[in-house]
Each structure stands twice: as C-alpha cells, then as structure tokens.
Amino acid sequence: MNKAHELLRWIYDDLERDTKLPLWLRDRVRDFLAAEPESDKPVAWITPDGEGFRMRFEPPVNDVPLGWTPLYTRPEPARKPMTEEEIRELCPFTRQEFVTGFNSGVRFAEKHHNIK
C-alpha cells in the first residue's frame, strides 16, 4: 500500500469516527478505496487549509496555488529525468551561457524532487 493510499485510508477511518462529518463524504472516500482505478490517474486531491485538510475528487482548477497533492490508489507513476532533447525544446534561450544555466536549473529541480 503506498503512502497516498494509507493517507486516504486514515482519512476514511477518521470520517468513520466523526459523526459531525457528512455521510456522503465518508461514502465517497470508501468507494474510492474500494474501486480499482482505470488508469494511473489520481483519485482525489488534498491540501492543508489551516484548520485541517481540504479534499477534492475532481482536479483542482481555480485554486492550484494552494498546493494540492494528488492521491493515488496505485503507486504514483514513476518520474524520469528529462532527456537533453526535451530540455532543448523547452529552453527559450539561444546564448550558450543561458542554455547551460537553464539545463543546470532543470537538473537541480529534478534532484530536489528526487527524480532519478
């Protein structure tokens, strides 16, 4: 069981104990835990909101800056480093020193996010 699935299980267990929370939310989380996903897409998104957590079952659109974390019922798809060609296609610069800096920035971001 991956960490996101464990978190969703923990949330469901908490919903089972708290009688003030709506039953529809408990039932929706239960259904997501029971269903086998059709693909490796997230089944829910979660973010801290100051008083606890907010959860969505549809992709967040308007409030993306809140830092929504996708939750999966399967392990998160493996992330791979970008190829040199992919970086070249994204790089808006033509001067070599800027290209080198851009490339270094991409590699630093990959290292920071444990993309190996």
Protein backbone atom coordinates (compact mmCIF):
# COMPACT_ATOMS: atom_id res chain seq x y z
CA MET A 1 0.00 0.00 0.00
CA ASN A 2 1.51 3.37 -0.99
CA LYS A 3 1.57 6.46 1.22
CA ALA A 4 -1.26 8.21 -0.61
CA HIS A 5 -3.49 5.15 -0.20
CA GLU A 6 -2.54 4.96 3.50
CA LEU A 7 -3.47 8.64 3.90
CA LEU A 8 -6.81 8.10 2.20
CA ARG A 9 -7.42 5.07 4.47
CA TRP A 10 -6.55 7.23 7.52
CA ILE A 11 -8.97 9.92 6.35
CA TYR A 12 -11.69 7.31 5.85
CA ASP A 13 -11.12 5.90 9.35
CA ASP A 14 -11.37 9.43 10.76
CA LEU A 15 -14.60 10.02 8.84
CA GLU A 16 -16.00 6.80 10.34
CA ARG A 17 -15.39 8.10 13.89
CA ASP A 18 -16.56 11.70 13.44
CA THR A 19 -20.35 11.79 13.37
CA LYS A 20 -20.40 15.52 12.54
CA LEU A 21 -18.97 14.96 9.09
CA PRO A 22 -21.34 14.30 6.19
CA LEU A 23 -22.06 10.68 5.34
CA TRP A 24 -21.73 11.36 1.62
CA LEU A 25 -18.07 12.27 2.11
CA ARG A 26 -17.38 9.09 4.05
CA ASP A 27 -19.18 7.04 1.41
CA ARG A 28 -17.30 8.72 -1.44
CA VAL A 29 -13.91 8.03 0.15
CA ARG A 30 -14.97 4.42 0.86
CA ASP A 31 -15.98 3.99 -2.78
CA PHE A 32 -12.66 5.35 -4.00
CA LEU A 33 -10.77 2.97 -1.73
CA ALA A 34 -12.83 0.01 -2.94
CA ALA A 35 -12.73 0.83 -6.66
CA GLU A 36 -9.90 -0.31 -8.87
CA PRO A 37 -8.80 2.71 -10.90
CA GLU A 38 -8.98 2.55 -14.67
CA SER A 39 -5.58 4.16 -15.02
CA ASP A 40 -2.76 5.68 -13.02
CA LYS A 41 -4.66 8.95 -12.62
CA PRO A 42 -5.18 10.44 -9.14
CA VAL A 43 -8.49 9.59 -7.46
CA ALA A 44 -8.51 12.61 -5.13
CA TRP A 45 -6.51 15.72 -4.23
CA ILE A 46 -5.72 17.00 -0.74
CA THR A 47 -4.30 20.26 0.67
CA PRO A 48 -3.88 21.75 4.16
CA ASP A 49 -6.23 24.68 4.78
CA GLY A 50 -5.21 25.97 8.22
CA GLU A 51 -7.87 24.05 10.16
CA GLY A 52 -7.20 20.61 8.76
CA PHE A 53 -7.33 19.38 5.19
CA ARG A 54 -9.48 20.03 2.14
CA MET A 55 -10.12 17.20 -0.25
CA ARG A 56 -11.38 17.20 -3.82
CA PHE A 57 -12.46 14.35 -6.04
CA GLU A 58 -12.15 16.38 -9.24
CA PRO A 59 -8.89 18.03 -10.38
CA PRO A 60 -8.45 21.44 -8.72
CA VAL A 61 -8.55 24.26 -11.27
CA ASN A 62 -9.14 27.66 -9.68
CA ASP A 63 -7.05 27.30 -6.52
CA VAL A 64 -3.98 25.44 -7.76
CA PRO A 65 -1.59 27.73 -5.78
CA LEU A 66 -2.83 26.08 -2.56
CA GLY A 67 -0.54 23.17 -3.34
CA TRP A 68 -2.88 20.27 -3.99
CA THR A 69 -1.31 16.82 -3.58
CA PRO A 70 -2.74 14.08 -5.80
CA LEU A 71 -3.75 10.82 -4.10
CA TYR A 72 -3.49 7.53 -5.94
CA THR A 73 -4.79 4.05 -5.19
CA ARG A 74 -1.78 2.66 -7.04
CA PRO A 75 1.82 3.75 -6.69
CA GLU A 76 2.44 7.15 -8.24
CA PRO A 77 3.70 6.82 -11.83
CA ALA A 78 7.49 6.77 -11.99
CA ARG A 79 9.03 10.12 -12.85
CA LYS A 80 12.05 10.08 -15.12
CA PRO A 81 14.64 12.77 -15.79
CA MET A 82 14.12 14.83 -18.94
CA THR A 83 16.26 13.96 -21.92
CA GLU A 84 18.67 16.55 -23.29
CA GLU A 85 16.41 16.93 -26.33
CA GLU A 86 13.32 17.62 -24.17
CA ILE A 87 15.23 20.30 -22.28
CA ARG A 88 16.44 21.85 -25.55
CA GLU A 89 12.84 22.02 -26.82
CA LEU A 90 11.72 23.85 -23.66
CA CYS A 91 14.68 26.22 -23.41
CA PRO A 92 13.70 29.74 -24.56
CA PHE A 93 17.34 30.90 -24.82
CA THR A 94 19.85 30.81 -27.67
CA ARG A 95 23.01 32.12 -25.96
CA GLN A 96 25.08 29.17 -24.77
CA GLU A 97 25.66 30.50 -21.23
CA PHE A 98 21.88 30.87 -20.74
CA VAL A 99 21.26 27.40 -22.19
CA THR A 100 23.83 25.94 -19.78
CA GLY A 101 22.20 27.73 -16.84
CA PHE A 102 18.73 26.59 -17.91
CA ASN A 103 19.96 23.00 -18.21
CA SER A 104 21.55 23.20 -14.75
CA GLY A 105 18.29 24.55 -13.32
CA VAL A 106 16.32 21.64 -14.76
CA ARG A 107 18.78 19.11 -13.32
CA PHE A 108 18.70 20.86 -9.92
CA ALA A 109 14.88 20.73 -9.87
CA GLU A 110 14.95 17.03 -10.77
CA LYS A 111 17.41 16.34 -7.97
CA HIS A 112 15.34 18.38 -5.49
CA HIS A 113 12.22 16.35 -6.34
CA ASN A 114 14.09 13.01 -6.25
CA ILE A 115 13.60 12.33 -9.94
CA LYS A 116 16.19 9.71 -10.83
